[in-house]
Amino acid sequence: MAKKRVTLFVDSEVYEKFKKFCDKQGWVISKQFENYMGKEIKKEVD
């Protein structure tokens, strides 16, 4: 599957907290955004 580069504007404090959370979990932050978007799409389809 091809990847697409995107630019997001988010609150810096929220981003930093989420980044630390992802780091602790051993997750890649961009993959978490991708997972979230996929779940939202699935909600609409189901």
C-alpha atoms as a PDB file:
ATOM      1  CA  MET A   1       0.000   0.000   0.000  1.00  0.00           C
ATOM      2  CA  ALA A   2       1.344   3.432  -0.924  1.00  0.00           C
ATOM      3  CA  LYS A   3       1.991   5.926   1.850  1.00  0.00           C
ATOM      4  CA  LYS A   4       0.947   9.581   1.759  1.00  0.00           C
ATOM      5  CA  ARG A   5       2.745  12.381   3.588  1.00  0.00           C
ATOM      6  CA  VAL A   6       0.347  14.712   5.428  1.00  0.00           C
ATOM      7  CA  THR A   7       0.692  17.825   7.527  1.00  0.00           C
ATOM      8  CA  LEU A   8      -1.443  18.126  10.647  1.00  0.00           C
ATOM      9  CA  PHE A   9      -1.862  21.052  12.985  1.00  0.00           C
ATOM     10  CA  VAL A  10      -2.523  19.959  16.559  1.00  0.00           C
ATOM     11  CA  ASP A  11      -2.223  21.556  19.967  1.00  0.00           C
ATOM     12  CA  SER A  12       1.463  21.261  20.909  1.00  0.00           C
ATOM     13  CA  GLU A  13       0.747  20.211  24.501  1.00  0.00           C
ATOM     14  CA  VAL A  14      -1.613  17.445  23.381  1.00  0.00           C
ATOM     15  CA  TYR A  15       0.907  16.321  20.756  1.00  0.00           C
ATOM     16  CA  GLU A  16       3.769  16.144  23.260  1.00  0.00           C
ATOM     17  CA  LYS A  17       1.684  14.153  25.746  1.00  0.00           C
ATOM     18  CA  PHE A  18       0.520  11.765  23.030  1.00  0.00           C
ATOM     19  CA  LYS A  19       4.065  11.404  21.703  1.00  0.00           C
ATOM     20  CA  LYS A  20       5.335  10.452  25.183  1.00  0.00           C
ATOM     21  CA  PHE A  21       2.432   8.014  25.557  1.00  0.00           C
ATOM     22  CA  CYS A  22       3.269   6.387  22.213  1.00  0.00           C
ATOM     23  CA  ASP A  23       6.965   6.223  23.099  1.00  0.00           C
ATOM     24  CA  LYS A  24       6.169   4.434  26.375  1.00  0.00           C
ATOM     25  CA  GLN A  25       3.993   1.937  24.496  1.00  0.00           C
ATOM     26  CA  GLY A  26       6.644   1.423  21.811  1.00  0.00           C
ATOM     27  CA  TRP A  27       4.262   2.725  19.160  1.00  0.00           C
ATOM     28  CA  VAL A  28       4.958   4.846  16.097  1.00  0.00           C
ATOM     29  CA  ILE A  29       2.845   7.998  16.420  1.00  0.00           C
ATOM     30  CA  SER A  30       1.941   8.167  12.716  1.00  0.00           C
ATOM     31  CA  LYS A  31       0.630   4.593  12.841  1.00  0.00           C
ATOM     32  CA  GLN A  32      -1.676   5.576  15.719  1.00  0.00           C
ATOM     33  CA  PHE A  33      -3.161   8.369  13.599  1.00  0.00           C
ATOM     34  CA  GLU A  34      -3.611   5.880  10.770  1.00  0.00           C
ATOM     35  CA  ASN A  35      -5.307   3.383  13.102  1.00  0.00           C
ATOM     36  CA  TYR A  36      -7.644   6.082  14.413  1.00  0.00           C
ATOM     37  CA  MET A  37      -8.643   7.168  10.912  1.00  0.00           C
ATOM     38  CA  GLY A  38      -9.285   3.555   9.919  1.00  0.00           C
ATOM     39  CA  LYS A  39     -11.517   2.999  12.957  1.00  0.00           C
ATOM     40  CA  GLU A  40     -13.540   6.139  12.189  1.00  0.00           C
ATOM     41  CA  ILE A  41     -14.058   5.004   8.585  1.00  0.00           C
ATOM     42  CA  LYS A  42     -15.102   1.555   9.781  1.00  0.00           C
ATOM     43  CA  LYS A  43     -17.729   3.106  12.105  1.00  0.00           C
ATOM     44  CA  GLU A  44     -19.301   4.842   9.113  1.00  0.00           C
ATOM     45  CA  VAL A  45     -19.343   1.689   6.996  1.00  0.00           C
ATOM     46  CA  ASP A  46     -20.706  -0.641   9.722  1.00  0.00           C
END
